[in-house]
Amino acid sequence: MQKARIYRTPKSAMQSGRARARDWTLQYEPGEPKRIDPLMGWSGSGDTRAQVRLAFRSCEDAVAWCEAKGVPYEVEAPPPVRADIKPKSYADNFRFGRTDNWTH
């Protein structure tokens, strides 16, 4: 049986907020190595579980699903969130009475 990896979904590099970064994702580890197709040169494998990604609201839900299905799993701790980041807005660059240097 393939082992599943449970991790917190990272935020996209294309967004500044953390809208979808609160979900937990379950993804199976690869069951077999990828091989190169001799005709086209594409890489692929016969492992269909590598395409499966399940989203859960909490880590406990993902763990409960694995235990109910009998799937071995490994939980990765979420990366620490930096608390020293001060949120800024673009409008602060044009604020009246601003004493900071121009940021662009």
PDB file of N, CA and C in Angstrom:
ATOM      1  N   MET A   1       0.846  -1.189   0.000  1.00  0.00           N
ATOM      2  CA  MET A   1       0.000   0.000   0.000  1.00  0.00           C
ATOM      3  C   MET A   1       0.887   1.246   0.000  1.00  0.00           C
ATOM      4  N   GLN A   2       0.517   2.219  -0.802  1.00  0.00           N
ATOM      5  CA  GLN A   2       1.297   3.444  -0.892  1.00  0.00           C
ATOM      6  C   GLN A   2       1.053   4.334   0.318  1.00  0.00           C
ATOM      7  N   LYS A   3       2.088   5.013   0.711  1.00  0.00           N
ATOM      8  CA  LYS A   3       2.011   5.934   1.838  1.00  0.00           C
ATOM      9  C   LYS A   3       1.475   7.280   1.351  1.00  0.00           C
ATOM     10  N   ALA A   4       0.666   7.902   2.189  1.00  0.00           N
ATOM     11  CA  ALA A   4       0.108   9.214   1.861  1.00  0.00           C
ATOM     12  C   ALA A   4       0.831  10.281   2.659  1.00  0.00           C
ATOM     13  N   ARG A   5       0.932  11.453   2.066  1.00  0.00           N
ATOM     14  CA  ARG A   5       1.566  12.598   2.722  1.00  0.00           C
ATOM     15  C   ARG A   5       0.488  13.640   2.963  1.00  0.00           C
ATOM     16  N   ILE A   6       0.377  14.090   4.213  1.00  0.00           N
ATOM     17  CA  ILE A   6      -0.605  15.109   4.582  1.00  0.00           C
ATOM     18  C   ILE A   6       0.165  16.381   4.927  1.00  0.00           C
ATOM     19  N   TYR A   7      -0.154  17.465   4.232  1.00  0.00           N
ATOM     20  CA  TYR A   7       0.545  18.724   4.460  1.00  0.00           C
ATOM     21  C   TYR A   7      -0.411  19.885   4.278  1.00  0.00           C
ATOM     22  N   ARG A   8      -0.036  21.012   4.839  1.00  0.00           N
ATOM     23  CA  ARG A   8      -0.837  22.224   4.695  1.00  0.00           C
ATOM     24  C   ARG A   8      -0.547  22.841   3.337  1.00  0.00           C
ATOM     25  N   THR A   9      -1.591  23.227   2.632  1.00  0.00           N
ATOM     26  CA  THR A   9      -1.437  23.784   1.297  1.00  0.00           C
ATOM     27  C   THR A   9      -0.746  25.138   1.377  1.00  0.00           C
ATOM     28  N   PRO A  10       0.375  25.331   0.676  1.00  0.00           N
ATOM     29  CA  PRO A  10       1.042  26.633   0.725  1.00  0.00           C
ATOM     30  C   PRO A  10       0.291  27.664  -0.100  1.00  0.00           C
ATOM     31  N   LYS A  11       0.522  28.924   0.213  1.00  0.00           N
ATOM     32  CA  LYS A  11      -0.127  29.975  -0.564  1.00  0.00           C
ATOM     33  C   LYS A  11       0.544  30.074  -1.927  1.00  0.00           C
ATOM     34  N   SER A  12      -0.228  30.474  -2.898  1.00  0.00           N
ATOM     35  CA  SER A  12       0.283  30.615  -4.247  1.00  0.00           C
ATOM     36  C   SER A  12       1.235  31.807  -4.316  1.00  0.00           C
ATOM     37  N   ALA A  13       2.213  31.729  -5.184  1.00  0.00           N
ATOM     38  CA  ALA A  13       3.127  32.850  -5.362  1.00  0.00           C
ATOM     39  C   ALA A  13       2.447  34.012  -6.077  1.00  0.00           C
ATOM     40  N   MET A  14       1.306  33.770  -6.668  1.00  0.00           N
ATOM     41  CA  MET A  14       0.597  34.799  -7.407  1.00  0.00           C
ATOM     42  C   MET A  14      -0.410  35.561  -6.542  1.00  0.00           C
ATOM     43  N   GLN A  15      -0.451  35.270  -5.265  1.00  0.00           N
ATOM     44  CA  GLN A  15      -1.380  35.975  -4.390  1.00  0.00           C
ATOM     45  C   GLN A  15      -0.652  36.508  -3.179  1.00  0.00           C
ATOM     46  N   SER A  16      -1.157  37.576  -2.609  1.00  0.00           N
ATOM     47  CA  SER A  16      -0.524  38.152  -1.436  1.00  0.00           C
ATOM     48  C   SER A  16      -1.211  37.702  -0.157  1.00  0.00           C
ATOM     49  N   GLY A  17      -2.458  37.305  -0.243  1.00  0.00           N
ATOM     50  CA  GLY A  17      -3.197  36.858   0.932  1.00  0.00           C
ATOM     51  C   GLY A  17      -3.037  35.369   1.171  1.00  0.00           C
ATOM     52  N   ARG A  18      -3.720  34.876   2.176  1.00  0.00           N
ATOM     53  CA  ARG A  18      -3.659  33.461   2.524  1.00  0.00           C
ATOM     54  C   ARG A  18      -5.042  32.824   2.408  1.00  0.00           C
ATOM     55  N   ALA A  19      -5.764  33.125   1.330  1.00  0.00           N
ATOM     56  CA  ALA A  19      -7.151  32.687   1.184  1.00  0.00           C
ATOM     57  C   ALA A  19      -7.277  31.174   1.150  1.00  0.00           C
ATOM     58  N   ARG A  20      -6.510  30.491   0.354  1.00  0.00           N
ATOM     59  CA  ARG A  20      -6.635  29.040   0.232  1.00  0.00           C
ATOM     60  C   ARG A  20      -5.496  28.303   0.917  1.00  0.00           C
ATOM     61  N   ALA A  21      -4.787  28.969   1.770  1.00  0.00           N
ATOM     62  CA  ALA A  21      -3.644  28.353   2.441  1.00  0.00           C
ATOM     63  C   ALA A  21      -4.027  27.722   3.773  1.00  0.00           C
ATOM     64  N   ARG A  22      -5.295  27.645   4.077  1.00  0.00           N
ATOM     65  CA  ARG A  22      -5.718  27.059   5.343  1.00  0.00           C
ATOM     66  C   ARG A  22      -6.089  25.589   5.201  1.00  0.00           C
ATOM     67  N   ASP A  23      -6.252  25.108   3.978  1.00  0.00           N
ATOM     68  CA  ASP A  23      -6.650  23.722   3.753  1.00  0.00           C
ATOM     69  C   ASP A  23      -5.471  22.770   3.907  1.00  0.00           C
ATOM     70  N   TRP A  24      -5.781  21.517   4.133  1.00  0.00           N
ATOM     71  CA  TRP A  24      -4.793  20.455   4.231  1.00  0.00           C
ATOM     72  C   TRP A  24      -4.959  19.548   3.023  1.00  0.00           C
ATOM     73  N   THR A  25      -3.850  19.088   2.465  1.00  0.00           N
ATOM     74  CA  THR A  25      -3.855  18.278   1.265  1.00  0.00           C
ATOM     75  C   THR A  25      -3.294  16.899   1.564  1.00  0.00           C
ATOM     76  N   LEU A  26      -3.945  15.879   1.016  1.00  0.00           N
ATOM     77  CA  LEU A  26      -3.455  14.510   1.091  1.00  0.00           C
ATOM     78  C   LEU A  26      -2.997  14.120  -0.302  1.00  0.00           C
ATOM     79  N   GLN A  27      -1.762  13.674  -0.410  1.00  0.00           N
ATOM     80  CA  GLN A  27      -1.198  13.284  -1.696  1.00  0.00           C
ATOM     81  C   GLN A  27      -0.412  11.999  -1.512  1.00  0.00           C
ATOM     82  N   TYR A  28      -0.581  11.066  -2.427  1.00  0.00           N
ATOM     83  CA  TYR A  28       0.129   9.796  -2.343  1.00  0.00           C
ATOM     84  C   TYR A  28       1.564   9.945  -2.840  1.00  0.00           C
ATOM     85  N   GLU A  29       2.467   9.179  -2.236  1.00  0.00           N
ATOM     86  CA  GLU A  29       3.844   9.136  -2.725  1.00  0.00           C
ATOM     87  C   GLU A  29       3.871   8.305  -4.005  1.00  0.00           C
ATOM     88  N   PRO A  30       4.836   8.544  -4.884  1.00  0.00           N
ATOM     89  CA  PRO A  30       4.896   7.764  -6.127  1.00  0.00           C
ATOM     90  C   PRO A  30       5.117   6.281  -5.842  1.00  0.00           C
ATOM     91  N   GLY A  31       4.342   5.446  -6.542  1.00  0.00           N
ATOM     92  CA  GLY A  31       4.449   4.003  -6.349  1.00  0.00           C
ATOM     93  C   GLY A  31       5.514   3.364  -7.214  1.00  0.00           C
ATOM     94  N   GLU A  32       5.839   3.992  -8.315  1.00  0.00           N
ATOM     95  CA  GLU A  32       6.875   3.477  -9.218  1.00  0.00           C
ATOM     96  C   GLU A  32       7.577   4.655  -9.874  1.00  0.00           C
ATOM     97  N   PRO A  33       8.811   4.464 -10.285  1.00  0.00           N
ATOM     98  CA  PRO A  33       9.523   5.588 -10.923  1.00  0.00           C
ATOM     99  C   PRO A  33       8.953   5.889 -12.311  1.00  0.00           C
ATOM    100  N   LYS A  34       9.110   7.124 -12.725  1.00  0.00           N
ATOM    101  CA  LYS A  34       8.657   7.505 -14.064  1.00  0.00           C
ATOM    102  C   LYS A  34       9.623   6.955 -15.106  1.00  0.00           C
ATOM    103  N   ARG A  35       9.084   6.628 -16.236  1.00  0.00           N
ATOM    104  CA  ARG A  35       9.909   6.122 -17.334  1.00  0.00           C
ATOM    105  C   ARG A  35       9.636   6.961 -18.582  1.00  0.00           C
ATOM    106  N   ILE A  36      10.590   7.013 -19.455  1.00  0.00           N
ATOM    107  CA  ILE A  36      10.485   7.824 -20.659  1.00  0.00           C
ATOM    108  C   ILE A  36       9.921   6.966 -21.788  1.00  0.00           C
ATOM    109  N   ASP A  37       8.909   7.493 -22.456  1.00  0.00           N
ATOM    110  CA  ASP A  37       8.310   6.800 -23.598  1.00  0.00           C
ATOM    111  C   ASP A  37       9.298   6.848 -24.763  1.00  0.00           C
ATOM    112  N   PRO A  38       9.641   5.703 -25.343  1.00  0.00           N
ATOM    113  CA  PRO A  38      10.655   5.717 -26.401  1.00  0.00           C
ATOM    114  C   PRO A  38      10.203   6.422 -27.679  1.00  0.00           C
ATOM    115  N   LEU A  39       8.919   6.465 -27.958  1.00  0.00           N
ATOM    116  CA  LEU A  39       8.442   7.076 -29.190  1.00  0.00           C
ATOM    117  C   LEU A  39       8.355   8.599 -29.091  1.00  0.00           C
ATOM    118  N   MET A  40       7.704   9.093 -28.065  1.00  0.00           N
ATOM    119  CA  MET A  40       7.464  10.538 -27.951  1.00  0.00           C
ATOM    120  C   MET A  40       8.455  11.245 -27.046  1.00  0.00           C
ATOM    121  N   GLY A  41       9.090  10.518 -26.122  1.00  0.00           N
ATOM    122  CA  GLY A  41      10.024  11.144 -25.212  1.00  0.00           C
ATOM    123  C   GLY A  41       9.382  11.719 -23.975  1.00  0.00           C
ATOM    124  N   TRP A  42       8.067  11.499 -23.810  1.00  0.00           N
ATOM    125  CA  TRP A  42       7.370  12.005 -22.632  1.00  0.00           C
ATOM    126  C   TRP A  42       7.652  11.097 -21.452  1.00  0.00           C
ATOM    127  N   SER A  43       7.621  11.645 -20.270  1.00  0.00           N
ATOM    128  CA  SER A  43       7.790  10.815 -19.082  1.00  0.00           C
ATOM    129  C   SER A  43       6.419  10.498 -18.502  1.00  0.00           C
ATOM    130  N   GLY A  44       6.283   9.292 -17.977  1.00  0.00           N
ATOM    131  CA  GLY A  44       5.007   8.870 -17.408  1.00  0.00           C
ATOM    132  C   GLY A  44       5.190   7.580 -16.635  1.00  0.00           C
ATOM    133  N   SER A  45       4.126   7.161 -15.992  1.00  0.00           N
ATOM    134  CA  SER A  45       4.153   5.909 -15.256  1.00  0.00           C
ATOM    135  C   SER A  45       2.747   5.336 -15.223  1.00  0.00           C
ATOM    136  N   GLY A  46       2.629   4.120 -14.742  1.00  0.00           N
ATOM    137  CA  GLY A  46       1.334   3.474 -14.627  1.00  0.00           C
ATOM    138  C   GLY A  46       0.689   3.708 -13.277  1.00  0.00           C
ATOM    139  N   ASP A  47       1.284   4.555 -12.473  1.00  0.00           N
ATOM    140  CA  ASP A  47       0.782   4.830 -11.131  1.00  0.00           C
ATOM    141  C   ASP A  47      -0.302   5.895 -11.207  1.00  0.00           C
ATOM    142  N   THR A  48      -1.565   5.491 -11.034  1.00  0.00           N
ATOM    143  CA  THR A  48      -2.662   6.454 -11.126  1.00  0.00           C
ATOM    144  C   THR A  48      -2.899   7.191  -9.816  1.00  0.00           C
ATOM    145  N   ARG A  49      -2.414   6.668  -8.694  1.00  0.00           N
ATOM    146  CA  ARG A  49      -2.607   7.355  -7.422  1.00  0.00           C
ATOM    147  C   ARG A  49      -1.767   8.624  -7.327  1.00  0.00           C
ATOM    148  N   ALA A  50      -0.752   8.758  -8.136  1.00  0.00           N
ATOM    149  CA  ALA A  50       0.075   9.966  -8.106  1.00  0.00           C
ATOM    150  C   ALA A  50      -0.718  11.180  -8.586  1.00  0.00           C
ATOM    151  N   GLN A  51      -1.830  10.954  -9.286  1.00  0.00           N
ATOM    152  CA  GLN A  51      -2.647  12.052  -9.785  1.00  0.00           C
ATOM    153  C   GLN A  51      -3.693  12.508  -8.776  1.00  0.00           C
ATOM    154  N   VAL A  52      -3.857  11.768  -7.684  1.00  0.00           N
ATOM    155  CA  VAL A  52      -4.921  12.045  -6.716  1.00  0.00           C
ATOM    156  C   VAL A  52      -4.439  13.026  -5.669  1.00  0.00           C
ATOM    157  N   ARG A  53      -5.212  14.085  -5.466  1.00  0.00           N
ATOM    158  CA  ARG A  53      -4.992  15.044  -4.382  1.00  0.00           C
ATOM    159  C   ARG A  53      -6.342  15.299  -3.733  1.00  0.00           C
ATOM    160  N   LEU A  54      -6.400  15.078  -2.434  1.00  0.00           N
ATOM    161  CA  LEU A  54      -7.630  15.302  -1.690  1.00  0.00           C
ATOM    162  C   LEU A  54      -7.432  16.493  -0.761  1.00  0.00           C
ATOM    163  N   ALA A  55      -8.435  17.355  -0.673  1.00  0.00           N
ATOM    164  CA  ALA A  55      -8.358  18.536   0.182  1.00  0.00           C
ATOM    165  C   ALA A  55      -9.264  18.339   1.389  1.00  0.00           C
ATOM    166  N   PHE A  56      -8.770  18.720   2.561  1.00  0.00           N
ATOM    167  CA  PHE A  56      -9.515  18.614   3.812  1.00  0.00           C
ATOM    168  C   PHE A  56      -9.449  19.950   4.540  1.00  0.00           C
ATOM    169  N   ARG A  57     -10.444  20.225   5.369  1.00  0.00           N
ATOM    170  CA  ARG A  57     -10.484  21.467   6.136  1.00  0.00           C
ATOM    171  C   ARG A  57      -9.504  21.461   7.301  1.00  0.00           C
ATOM    172  N   SER A  58      -9.213  20.279   7.855  1.00  0.00           N
ATOM    173  CA  SER A  58      -8.299  20.207   8.990  1.00  0.00           C
ATOM    174  C   SER A  58      -7.433  18.963   8.876  1.00  0.00           C
ATOM    175  N   CYS A  59      -6.355  18.964   9.636  1.00  0.00           N
ATOM    176  CA  CYS A  59      -5.449  17.823   9.652  1.00  0.00           C
ATOM    177  C   CYS A  59      -6.142  16.605  10.265  1.00  0.00           C
ATOM    178  N   GLU A  60      -6.976  16.835  11.262  1.00  0.00           N
ATOM    179  CA  GLU A  60      -7.687  15.735  11.915  1.00  0.00           C
ATOM    180  C   GLU A  60      -8.627  15.027  10.950  1.00  0.00           C
ATOM    181  N   ASP A  61      -9.260  15.780  10.042  1.00  0.00           N
ATOM    182  CA  ASP A  61     -10.137  15.163   9.042  1.00  0.00           C
ATOM    183  C   ASP A  61      -9.344  14.267   8.098  1.00  0.00           C
ATOM    184  N   ALA A  62      -8.173  14.722   7.682  1.00  0.00           N
ATOM    185  CA  ALA A  62      -7.335  13.931   6.773  1.00  0.00           C
ATOM    186  C   ALA A  62      -6.823  12.665   7.463  1.00  0.00           C
ATOM    187  N   VAL A  63      -6.420  12.792   8.724  1.00  0.00           N
ATOM    188  CA  VAL A  63      -5.942  11.630   9.471  1.00  0.00           C
ATOM    189  C   VAL A  63      -7.078  10.637   9.687  1.00  0.00           C
ATOM    190  N   ALA A  64      -8.267  11.126   9.995  1.00  0.00           N
ATOM    191  CA  ALA A  64      -9.417  10.243  10.189  1.00  0.00           C
ATOM    192  C   ALA A  64      -9.770   9.508   8.901  1.00  0.00           C
ATOM    193  N   TRP A  65      -9.657  10.186   7.763  1.00  0.00           N
ATOM    194  CA  TRP A  65      -9.934   9.543   6.480  1.00  0.00           C
ATOM    195  C   TRP A  65      -8.922   8.427   6.206  1.00  0.00           C
ATOM    196  N   CYS A  66      -7.644   8.694   6.485  1.00  0.00           N
ATOM    197  CA  CYS A  66      -6.606   7.680   6.266  1.00  0.00           C
ATOM    198  C   CYS A  66      -6.821   6.466   7.170  1.00  0.00           C
ATOM    199  N   GLU A  67      -7.164   6.710   8.422  1.00  0.00           N
ATOM    200  CA  GLU A  67      -7.365   5.601   9.349  1.00  0.00           C
ATOM    201  C   GLU A  67      -8.610   4.803   8.990  1.00  0.00           C
ATOM    202  N   ALA A  68      -9.645   5.453   8.477  1.00  0.00           N
ATOM    203  CA  ALA A  68     -10.854   4.739   8.072  1.00  0.00           C
ATOM    204  C   ALA A  68     -10.608   3.880   6.841  1.00  0.00           C
ATOM    205  N   LYS A  69      -9.757   4.343   5.928  1.00  0.00           N
ATOM    206  CA  LYS A  69      -9.460   3.595   4.700  1.00  0.00           C
ATOM    207  C   LYS A  69      -8.277   2.648   4.858  1.00  0.00           C
ATOM    208  N   GLY A  70      -7.547   2.743   5.972  1.00  0.00           N
ATOM    209  CA  GLY A  70      -6.392   1.881   6.188  1.00  0.00           C
ATOM    210  C   GLY A  70      -5.167   2.295   5.382  1.00  0.00           C
ATOM    211  N   VAL A  71      -5.038   3.572   5.108  1.00  0.00           N
ATOM    212  CA  VAL A  71      -3.924   4.091   4.315  1.00  0.00           C
ATOM    213  C   VAL A  71      -2.828   4.567   5.268  1.00  0.00           C
ATOM    214  N   PRO A  72      -1.589   4.080   5.122  1.00  0.00           N
ATOM    215  CA  PRO A  72      -0.511   4.624   5.957  1.00  0.00           C
ATOM    216  C   PRO A  72      -0.237   6.071   5.564  1.00  0.00           C
ATOM    217  N   TYR A  73       0.050   6.893   6.544  1.00  0.00           N
ATOM    218  CA  TYR A  73       0.198   8.321   6.275  1.00  0.00           C
ATOM    219  C   TYR A  73       1.348   8.902   7.083  1.00  0.00           C
ATOM    220  N   GLU A  74       1.753  10.103   6.660  1.00  0.00           N
ATOM    221  CA  GLU A  74       2.783  10.880   7.340  1.00  0.00           C
ATOM    222  C   GLU A  74       2.338  12.335   7.311  1.00  0.00           C
ATOM    223  N   VAL A  75       2.307  12.974   8.474  1.00  0.00           N
ATOM    224  CA  VAL A  75       1.860  14.359   8.573  1.00  0.00           C
ATOM    225  C   VAL A  75       3.082  15.264   8.634  1.00  0.00           C
ATOM    226  N   GLU A  76       3.117  16.256   7.741  1.00  0.00           N
ATOM    227  CA  GLU A  76       4.187  17.253   7.748  1.00  0.00           C
ATOM    228  C   GLU A  76       3.712  18.468   8.521  1.00  0.00           C
ATOM    229  N   ALA A  77       4.533  18.950   9.411  1.00  0.00           N
ATOM    230  CA  ALA A  77       4.179  20.139  10.194  1.00  0.00           C
ATOM    231  C   ALA A  77       4.162  21.360   9.282  1.00  0.00           C
ATOM    232  N   PRO A  78       3.203  22.261   9.478  1.00  0.00           N
ATOM    233  CA  PRO A  78       3.173  23.461   8.639  1.00  0.00           C
ATOM    234  C   PRO A  78       4.353  24.370   8.946  1.00  0.00           C
ATOM    235  N   PRO A  79       4.840  25.094   7.947  1.00  0.00           N
ATOM    236  CA  PRO A  79       5.954  26.004   8.198  1.00  0.00           C
ATOM    237  C   PRO A  79       5.523  27.134   9.122  1.00  0.00           C
ATOM    238  N   PRO A  80       6.437  27.648   9.921  1.00  0.00           N
ATOM    239  CA  PRO A  80       6.055  28.736  10.830  1.00  0.00           C
ATOM    240  C   PRO A  80       5.710  30.001  10.061  1.00  0.00           C
ATOM    241  N   VAL A  81       4.738  30.712  10.564  1.00  0.00           N
ATOM    242  CA  VAL A  81       4.297  31.963   9.938  1.00  0.00           C
ATOM    243  C   VAL A  81       5.026  33.108  10.621  1.00  0.00           C
ATOM    244  N   ARG A  82       5.640  33.965   9.828  1.00  0.00           N
ATOM    245  CA  ARG A  82       6.368  35.099  10.388  1.00  0.00           C
ATOM    246  C   ARG A  82       5.378  36.130  10.914  1.00  0.00           C
ATOM    247  N   ALA A  83       5.552  36.512  12.160  1.00  0.00           N
ATOM    248  CA  ALA A  83       4.648  37.473  12.781  1.00  0.00           C
ATOM    249  C   ALA A  83       5.156  38.902  12.670  1.00  0.00           C
ATOM    250  N   ASP A  84       6.394  39.082  12.208  1.00  0.00           N
ATOM    251  CA  ASP A  84       6.957  40.424  12.151  1.00  0.00           C
ATOM    252  C   ASP A  84       6.654  41.155  10.841  1.00  0.00           C
ATOM    253  N   ILE A  85       5.854  40.573   9.986  1.00  0.00           N
ATOM    254  CA  ILE A  85       5.510  41.228   8.732  1.00  0.00           C
ATOM    255  C   ILE A  85       4.363  42.202   8.979  1.00  0.00           C
ATOM    256  N   LYS A  86       4.604  43.467   8.674  1.00  0.00           N
ATOM    257  CA  LYS A  86       3.599  44.494   8.864  1.00  0.00           C
ATOM    258  C   LYS A  86       2.837  44.674   7.548  1.00  0.00           C
ATOM    259  N   PRO A  87       1.532  44.492   7.548  1.00  0.00           N
ATOM    260  CA  PRO A  87       0.784  44.658   6.298  1.00  0.00           C
ATOM    261  C   PRO A  87       0.821  46.114   5.834  1.00  0.00           C
ATOM    262  N   LYS A  88       1.005  46.308   4.550  1.00  0.00           N
ATOM    263  CA  LYS A  88       1.048  47.643   3.968  1.00  0.00           C
ATOM    264  C   LYS A  88       0.053  47.712   2.830  1.00  0.00           C
ATOM    265  N   SER A  89      -0.309  48.894   2.469  1.00  0.00           N
ATOM    266  CA  SER A  89      -1.175  49.064   1.316  1.00  0.00           C
ATOM    267  C   SER A  89      -0.468  49.966   0.311  1.00  0.00           C
ATOM    268  N   TYR A  90      -0.874  49.842  -0.929  1.00  0.00           N
ATOM    269  CA  TYR A  90      -0.284  50.640  -1.994  1.00  0.00           C
ATOM    270  C   TYR A  90      -0.610  52.116  -1.814  1.00  0.00           C
ATOM    271  N   ALA A  91      -1.739  52.403  -1.215  1.00  0.00           N
ATOM    272  CA  ALA A  91      -2.153  53.791  -1.023  1.00  0.00           C
ATOM    273  C   ALA A  91      -1.231  54.531  -0.048  1.00  0.00           C
ATOM    274  N   ASP A  92      -0.522  53.809   0.812  1.00  0.00           N
ATOM    275  CA  ASP A  92       0.404  54.462   1.741  1.00  0.00           C
ATOM    276  C   ASP A  92       1.551  55.163   1.016  1.00  0.00           C
ATOM    277  N   ASN A  93       1.867  54.755  -0.202  1.00  0.00           N
ATOM    278  CA  ASN A  93       2.924  55.418  -0.971  1.00  0.00           C
ATOM    279  C   ASN A  93       2.547  56.849  -1.337  1.00  0.00           C
ATOM    280  N   PHE A  94       1.259  57.136  -1.402  1.00  0.00           N
ATOM    281  CA  PHE A  94       0.789  58.445  -1.835  1.00  0.00           C
ATOM    282  C   PHE A  94       0.121  59.211  -0.696  1.00  0.00           C
ATOM    283  N   ARG A  95       0.291  58.761   0.511  1.00  0.00           N
ATOM    284  CA  ARG A  95      -0.344  59.385   1.669  1.00  0.00           C
ATOM    285  C   ARG A  95       0.192  60.801   1.886  1.00  0.00           C
ATOM    286  N   PHE A  96      -0.687  61.716   2.273  1.00  0.00           N
ATOM    287  CA  PHE A  96      -0.288  63.085   2.546  1.00  0.00           C
ATOM    288  C   PHE A  96       0.503  63.125   3.853  1.00  0.00           C
ATOM    289  N   GLY A  97       1.607  63.838   3.878  1.00  0.00           N
ATOM    290  CA  GLY A  97       2.423  63.975   5.087  1.00  0.00           C
ATOM    291  C   GLY A  97       3.322  62.766   5.317  1.00  0.00           C
ATOM    292  N   ARG A  98       3.584  62.020   4.285  1.00  0.00           N
ATOM    293  CA  ARG A  98       4.434  60.840   4.403  1.00  0.00           C
ATOM    294  C   ARG A  98       5.893  61.265   4.600  1.00  0.00           C
ATOM    295  N   THR A  99       6.587  60.657   5.577  1.00  0.00           N
ATOM    296  CA  THR A  99       7.968  61.034   5.854  1.00  0.00           C
ATOM    297  C   THR A  99       8.970  59.990   5.356  1.00  0.00           C
ATOM    298  N   ASP A 100       8.503  58.817   4.949  1.00  0.00           N
ATOM    299  CA  ASP A 100       9.392  57.755   4.471  1.00  0.00           C
ATOM    300  C   ASP A 100       9.865  58.049   3.052  1.00  0.00           C
ATOM    301  N   ASN A 101      10.949  57.392   2.644  1.00  0.00           N
ATOM    302  CA  ASN A 101      11.430  57.501   1.275  1.00  0.00           C
ATOM    303  C   ASN A 101      10.486  56.782   0.335  1.00  0.00           C
ATOM    304  N   TRP A 102      10.593  57.134  -0.925  1.00  0.00           N
ATOM    305  CA  TRP A 102       9.780  56.491  -1.963  1.00  0.00           C
ATOM    306  C   TRP A 102      10.219  55.020  -2.072  1.00  0.00           C
ATOM    307  N   THR A 103       9.259  54.092  -2.155  1.00  0.00           N
ATOM    308  CA  THR A 103       9.591  52.663  -2.115  1.00  0.00           C
ATOM    309  C   THR A 103       9.740  52.025  -3.470  1.00  0.00           C
ATOM    310  N   HIS A 104       9.546  52.767  -4.543  1.00  0.00           N
ATOM    311  CA  HIS A 104       9.624  52.129  -5.854  1.00  0.00           C
ATOM    312  C   HIS A 104      10.968  52.362  -6.462  1.00  0.00           C
TER     313      HIS A 104
END
